Each structure stands twice: as C-alpha cells, then as structure tokens.
C-alpha cells in the first residue's frame, strides 16, 4: 500500500491541516489491534481530531465490523473524535459496504476506491512518493503501457540519485501487482533507458531468469519486506530478522502469499508462521 499517507490527506481527503502528528497504531485493550495509520490532525480552523486510515486489498465482508472495533479502540485510547477512511486498492471491483445499519446501532465510515481517483492528481506531482501512488489510480483512458512509461519518465525526471530511484521503482513493481500489470511494468523497465543496479535492485527477477537460487531467495525477501511495509506500515526488526533467516524458496513464497490473506500484521504473522 501507499507508504506516504500525507499525500492522500492533502490531495484526496482535502484536509487543510496545520499539523499532522503520527500516533502509535498498536492498541492493547481486550485484544491486540494494529491499525495502518493514525494521525492527530489540527486543521486551519483549529479543529482537532484523529484520522484513522486503513488500506485493503480484498473485499472483506466483515470490514465494517473491523473498522468499528478500530473506532472503539482508538476512541477509548485517545478520548478524541475519530474520522475513519478506508482506501481500497484491490484487483477486484469494490464490493464492500462501509456501514452497519441495525436497530441497535448505525455506523458509517468513508471508503475510497483508488480506481476512482484521477491519476493526474499524483502523476503531475514533483514528489516521487506521490508519483508512485498514481499507478493504482484511474488511468483516464490511457493505454496501460503508455501510462507505465509516463510514470517511469516522471520518476526518472524527479529522482536523480540512482539508489533512491531504484527504491521507488521497486515500490512501483509491488503496486503494479495489485493492478495485474506487473509483467508489462517489468517489460517497460527493461525497455526504457533507466539506469539501475540490476543485480542489486532486481535480484529476484534477474535471479529467476538466470536460475540462481540465491538470487531468487534474496529477491523474494526484499519483495516481502517492501510489500509488508506498504501493506502494514513499518514492521518490527524481529519480523525482518525472522524472514531474512529463511532460505527455503517455497517457505518464502508461502510467506509472500500470506500478506494478501491477512487483514492486519498480527494475522499475517500467524498465517505465515513467524509469530514473535
């Protein structure tokens, strides 16, 4: 998922904030919950509240109940008003509800499908973190291949330092999987004259092609760590260390698949079999 929610706060939610303060996302009340992002927002008009942002890659029919539990935990922990927004970035069409309507309770939160966001909102930015997000958005009728070229050109023109540029291209590769265009993306990276340390930054892809087991394992580990950072935010050093000690490619593939199945970091660690 996008790792720079400040761009979304400003350019998608249109919040005019004078300060945005990240808060801890782990809450231990009756059971442990870890939200994607929680911020204390102070708007220009002086209004102060908490903004809870979640990213979701699958249509979870229980999502409204998960979001309600988050609301209860956050409200009880911080004793402040809470605004919630779920960003959907999955391959399938959005089918989830954003409300609970019952005799006893009425609850609702904002839900935004990235496919409904104009890609130009981010593509025209000079901030590479924003440009990366554009690959998840509405292409506005562009051919996919042409659009990928536009994104890569924007990264090349805005990021001059090679290592940093490689980092953003790795992020784009991970996000391209959420739109089912990874093959086209990798093909365009190869076709374009973008200076990259191929052996260092694309060890997994290059290693698979060369049949090097070590390259595949290392590439998988890098891809897993990047996907975890995007999906769940910064992960603990203990989790990283456990993943980095695994050399079995089948096990790494299983861990990679667990990221898609898990609703939060704790579920991922359980499904992947790497609980701390």
Protein backbone atom coordinates (compact mmCIF):
# COMPACT_ATOMS: atom_id res chain seq x y z
CA UNK A 1 0.00 0.00 0.00
CA UNK A 2 0.96 3.61 -0.32
CA UNK A 3 3.61 4.45 2.27
CA UNK A 4 3.09 8.23 2.19
CA UNK A 5 -0.45 8.91 3.53
CA UNK A 6 0.31 12.63 3.90
CA UNK A 7 -0.23 12.95 0.16
CA UNK A 8 -3.65 11.31 0.48
CA UNK A 9 -4.61 13.51 3.42
CA UNK A 10 -3.92 16.66 1.40
CA UNK A 11 -4.81 15.71 -2.18
CA UNK A 12 -7.61 13.14 -1.79
CA UNK A 13 -9.28 13.86 1.55
CA UNK A 14 -8.68 17.62 1.05
CA UNK A 15 -7.84 18.18 4.70
CA UNK A 16 -6.24 21.57 5.29
CA UNK A 17 -4.06 20.77 8.27
CA UNK A 18 -1.61 22.97 10.13
CA UNK A 19 -0.15 19.88 11.83
CA UNK A 20 -0.26 16.12 11.24
CA UNK A 21 1.12 14.02 14.09
CA UNK A 22 1.52 10.22 13.72
CA UNK A 23 0.32 8.22 16.72
CA UNK A 24 1.01 4.66 17.79
CA UNK A 25 -1.09 2.15 15.86
CA UNK A 26 -0.89 -0.73 18.33
CA UNK A 27 -3.66 -0.82 20.93
CA UNK A 28 -3.92 -3.41 23.68
CA UNK A 29 -7.27 -3.20 25.36
CA UNK A 30 -9.18 -6.53 25.33
CA UNK A 31 -7.32 -7.91 22.33
CA UNK A 32 -4.41 -6.58 20.32
CA UNK A 33 -5.25 -4.43 17.28
CA UNK A 34 -2.86 -2.67 14.96
CA UNK A 35 -4.24 -0.04 12.61
CA UNK A 36 -2.44 1.02 9.43
CA UNK A 37 -2.16 4.73 10.26
CA UNK A 38 -3.48 7.03 12.98
CA UNK A 39 -2.79 10.77 12.93
CA UNK A 40 -3.76 13.65 15.17
CA UNK A 41 -4.98 16.37 12.82
CA UNK A 42 -5.16 20.07 13.60
CA UNK A 43 -7.00 21.93 10.85
CA UNK A 44 -6.57 25.56 9.87
CA UNK A 45 -9.83 26.39 11.65
CA UNK A 46 -8.45 24.94 14.90
CA UNK A 47 -10.48 21.73 14.78
CA UNK A 48 -8.59 18.79 16.33
CA UNK A 49 -9.43 15.12 15.73
CA UNK A 50 -7.86 11.75 14.98
CA UNK A 51 -7.66 10.43 11.43
CA UNK A 52 -7.57 6.65 11.06
CA UNK A 53 -6.53 5.38 7.61
CA UNK A 54 -6.70 1.75 6.51
CA UNK A 55 -5.68 0.12 3.22
CA UNK A 56 -7.44 -3.01 1.99
CA UNK A 57 -6.58 -5.27 -0.95
CA UNK A 58 -9.53 -7.71 -0.76
CA UNK A 59 -13.29 -7.43 -0.40
CA UNK A 60 -13.77 -8.39 3.22
CA UNK A 61 -17.48 -8.66 4.13
CA UNK A 62 -16.54 -8.18 7.79
CA UNK A 63 -14.68 -4.93 7.15
CA UNK A 64 -17.37 -2.67 8.69
CA UNK A 65 -17.11 -4.64 11.94
CA UNK A 66 -13.31 -4.46 11.89
CA UNK A 67 -13.48 -0.71 11.33
CA UNK A 68 -16.00 -0.35 14.16
CA UNK A 69 -13.65 -2.22 16.51
CA UNK A 70 -10.85 0.13 15.49
CA UNK A 71 -13.12 3.11 16.18
CA UNK A 72 -13.92 1.82 19.66
CA UNK A 73 -10.27 1.12 20.50
CA UNK A 74 -9.00 4.45 19.16
CA UNK A 75 -11.73 6.47 20.83
CA UNK A 76 -11.24 4.72 24.17
CA UNK A 77 -7.45 5.10 23.98
CA UNK A 78 -7.19 8.76 22.94
CA UNK A 79 -10.55 10.22 24.07
CA UNK A 80 -10.87 12.37 20.94
CA UNK A 81 -13.20 12.49 17.91
CA UNK A 82 -12.22 9.99 15.20
CA UNK A 83 -12.59 10.23 11.43
CA UNK A 84 -12.03 6.99 9.51
CA UNK A 85 -11.20 6.35 5.87
CA UNK A 86 -10.61 3.03 4.12
CA UNK A 87 -8.68 3.09 0.83
CA UNK A 88 -9.39 0.08 -1.38
CA UNK A 89 -6.53 -0.94 -3.70
CA UNK A 90 -7.55 -4.47 -4.71
CA UNK A 91 -7.75 -6.08 -8.16
CA UNK A 92 -11.43 -6.95 -7.94
CA UNK A 93 -14.19 -4.36 -8.17
CA UNK A 94 -15.10 -2.84 -4.82
CA UNK A 95 -17.98 -4.75 -3.22
CA UNK A 96 -17.54 -3.95 0.46
CA UNK A 97 -20.05 -1.97 2.44
CA UNK A 98 -18.92 0.98 4.56
CA UNK A 99 -21.72 0.93 7.10
CA UNK A 100 -23.60 -1.05 9.69
CA UNK A 101 -27.32 -0.42 9.86
CA UNK A 102 -29.22 -2.19 12.62
CA UNK A 103 -31.93 -1.39 15.14
CA UNK A 104 -29.33 -1.05 17.88
CA UNK A 105 -26.63 0.85 16.00
CA UNK A 106 -25.90 2.99 12.98
CA UNK A 107 -22.24 3.25 11.99
CA UNK A 108 -20.53 4.52 8.83
CA UNK A 109 -17.04 5.42 7.60
CA UNK A 110 -15.62 6.78 4.35
CA UNK A 111 -14.43 4.31 1.73
CA UNK A 112 -12.49 5.35 -1.38
CA UNK A 113 -11.68 3.10 -4.32
CA UNK A 114 -8.32 4.09 -5.82
CA UNK A 115 -9.77 3.39 -9.26
CA UNK A 116 -11.96 6.46 -8.79
CA UNK A 117 -9.02 8.79 -8.16
CA UNK A 118 -7.68 10.73 -11.15
CA UNK A 119 -4.10 9.54 -11.72
CA UNK A 120 -3.08 13.09 -12.67
CA UNK A 121 -3.61 14.07 -9.03
CA UNK A 122 -0.33 12.29 -8.30
CA UNK A 123 1.34 11.88 -11.70
CA UNK A 124 1.91 15.62 -12.12
CA UNK A 125 3.46 15.98 -8.68
CA UNK A 126 7.16 16.65 -8.15
CA UNK A 127 7.04 14.38 -5.11
CA UNK A 128 8.12 10.83 -6.12
CA UNK A 129 6.11 9.36 -3.23
CA UNK A 130 3.01 10.81 -4.85
CA UNK A 131 4.00 9.73 -8.36
CA UNK A 132 4.29 6.12 -7.18
CA UNK A 133 0.67 6.19 -5.96
CA UNK A 134 -0.60 7.10 -9.44
CA UNK A 135 -0.18 3.51 -10.67
CA UNK A 136 -3.17 2.49 -8.51
CA UNK A 137 -5.48 5.21 -9.84
CA UNK A 138 -7.79 5.82 -12.80
CA UNK A 139 -5.63 5.94 -15.93
CA UNK A 140 -8.17 8.24 -17.64
CA UNK A 141 -8.41 6.15 -20.81
CA UNK A 142 -4.66 5.83 -21.39
CA UNK A 143 -3.17 2.65 -22.81
CA UNK A 144 -1.60 0.81 -19.85
CA UNK A 145 1.82 0.55 -21.49
CA UNK A 146 1.87 4.26 -22.31
CA UNK A 147 0.77 5.09 -18.78
CA UNK A 148 3.55 2.98 -17.27
CA UNK A 149 6.04 4.83 -19.46
CA UNK A 150 4.68 8.15 -18.21
CA UNK A 151 5.13 7.09 -14.60
CA UNK A 152 8.69 5.86 -15.20
CA UNK A 153 9.57 9.06 -17.04
CA UNK A 154 8.24 11.12 -14.13
CA UNK A 155 10.34 9.09 -11.67
CA UNK A 156 13.41 9.50 -13.87
CA UNK A 157 12.94 13.25 -14.17
CA UNK A 158 12.22 13.89 -10.48
CA UNK A 159 14.68 11.46 -8.82
CA UNK A 160 18.28 11.94 -9.92
CA UNK A 161 20.00 9.76 -7.32
CA UNK A 162 20.25 6.20 -8.68
CA UNK A 163 19.76 4.23 -5.47
CA UNK A 164 16.73 6.28 -4.45
CA UNK A 165 15.27 5.97 -7.93
CA UNK A 166 15.66 2.20 -7.70
CA UNK A 167 13.73 2.23 -4.42
CA UNK A 168 10.73 3.96 -6.00
CA UNK A 169 10.79 1.62 -8.99
CA UNK A 170 10.73 -1.36 -6.61
CA UNK A 171 7.70 0.17 -4.91
CA UNK A 172 6.01 0.62 -8.29
CA UNK A 173 6.70 -3.01 -9.16
CA UNK A 174 4.99 -4.19 -5.97
CA UNK A 175 1.99 -1.91 -6.53
CA UNK A 176 1.72 -2.99 -10.18
CA UNK A 177 0.81 -6.47 -8.92
CA UNK A 178 -2.31 -5.03 -7.32
CA UNK A 179 -3.45 -3.95 -10.79
CA UNK A 180 -2.34 -7.12 -12.53
CA UNK A 181 0.17 -5.30 -14.73
CA UNK A 182 3.45 -6.49 -13.22
CA UNK A 183 4.62 -8.19 -16.45
CA UNK A 184 4.05 -5.04 -18.51
CA UNK A 185 5.71 -2.91 -15.86
CA UNK A 186 8.84 -5.07 -15.71
CA UNK A 187 8.97 -5.14 -19.50
CA UNK A 188 8.87 -1.35 -19.69
CA UNK A 189 11.57 -1.03 -17.02
CA UNK A 190 13.77 -3.26 -19.16
CA UNK A 191 12.93 -1.36 -22.35
CA UNK A 192 13.49 2.14 -21.01
CA UNK A 193 16.91 3.69 -20.61
CA UNK A 194 16.65 3.93 -16.82
CA UNK A 195 19.99 3.48 -15.10
CA UNK A 196 19.53 0.82 -12.43
CA UNK A 197 21.76 -1.51 -10.48
CA UNK A 198 20.04 -4.57 -11.95
CA UNK A 199 21.96 -7.14 -9.95
CA UNK A 200 21.30 -5.27 -6.71
CA UNK A 201 17.76 -3.99 -7.10
CA UNK A 202 16.16 -6.68 -9.23
CA UNK A 203 17.95 -9.77 -7.89
CA UNK A 204 14.72 -11.71 -7.67
CA UNK A 205 13.60 -11.14 -11.25
CA UNK A 206 17.09 -11.46 -12.71
CA UNK A 207 17.89 -14.41 -10.46
CA UNK A 208 14.77 -16.26 -11.61
CA UNK A 209 15.75 -15.75 -15.24
CA UNK A 210 19.31 -16.95 -14.60
CA UNK A 211 18.15 -19.81 -12.40
CA UNK A 212 20.17 -18.66 -9.40
CA UNK A 213 18.62 -19.97 -6.22
CA UNK A 214 20.37 -17.41 -4.04
CA UNK A 215 19.15 -14.56 -6.22
CA UNK A 216 15.56 -15.80 -6.09
CA UNK A 217 15.59 -16.12 -2.31
CA UNK A 218 17.14 -12.69 -1.81
CA UNK A 219 14.72 -11.11 -4.23
CA UNK A 220 11.77 -12.75 -2.50
CA UNK A 221 12.94 -11.48 0.88
CA UNK A 222 13.30 -7.91 -0.47
CA UNK A 223 9.89 -8.11 -2.11
CA UNK A 224 8.26 -9.45 1.07
CA UNK A 225 9.78 -6.71 3.22
CA UNK A 226 8.68 -4.00 0.80
CA UNK A 227 5.16 -5.45 0.50
CA UNK A 228 4.87 -5.63 4.29
CA UNK A 229 5.98 -2.01 4.69
CA UNK A 230 3.43 -0.87 2.13
CA UNK A 231 0.61 -3.10 3.44
CA UNK A 232 1.08 -2.73 7.19
CA UNK A 233 3.48 0.19 7.70
CA UNK A 234 6.89 -0.19 9.31
CA UNK A 235 7.39 -3.74 10.60
CA UNK A 236 9.49 -4.69 13.61
CA UNK A 237 13.14 -5.68 13.37
CA UNK A 238 12.25 -9.05 14.89
CA UNK A 239 9.92 -9.84 11.99
CA UNK A 240 12.53 -8.74 9.45
CA UNK A 241 15.21 -10.87 11.12
CA UNK A 242 12.99 -13.97 11.02
CA UNK A 243 12.25 -13.50 7.33
CA UNK A 244 15.90 -12.88 6.46
CA UNK A 245 16.99 -16.19 8.02
CA UNK A 246 14.71 -18.20 5.70
CA UNK A 247 16.41 -19.70 2.62
CA UNK A 248 13.64 -22.09 1.58
CA UNK A 249 12.03 -20.60 -1.54
CA UNK A 250 8.75 -22.48 -1.02
CA UNK A 251 8.51 -21.12 2.52
CA UNK A 252 9.22 -17.59 1.27
CA UNK A 253 6.53 -17.97 -1.39
CA UNK A 254 4.11 -19.07 1.34
CA UNK A 255 5.02 -16.01 3.43
CA UNK A 256 4.52 -13.75 0.40
CA UNK A 257 1.04 -15.22 -0.19
CA UNK A 258 0.19 -14.69 3.50
CA UNK A 259 0.41 -10.91 3.02
CA UNK A 260 -2.65 -10.99 0.73
CA UNK A 261 -4.68 -13.16 3.11
CA UNK A 262 -4.01 -11.22 6.33
CA UNK A 263 -6.18 -8.36 7.49
CA UNK A 264 -3.53 -6.98 9.82
CA UNK A 265 0.06 -7.58 10.89
CA UNK A 266 -0.82 -9.98 13.71
CA UNK A 267 -2.90 -12.14 11.34
CA UNK A 268 0.00 -12.14 8.87
CA UNK A 269 2.49 -13.36 11.49
CA UNK A 270 0.11 -16.17 12.48
CA UNK A 271 -0.69 -17.27 8.92
CA UNK A 272 2.98 -17.05 7.88
CA UNK A 273 4.12 -18.96 10.95
CA UNK A 274 6.54 -16.28 12.15
CA UNK A 275 4.80 -15.06 15.28
CA UNK A 276 7.20 -13.21 17.61
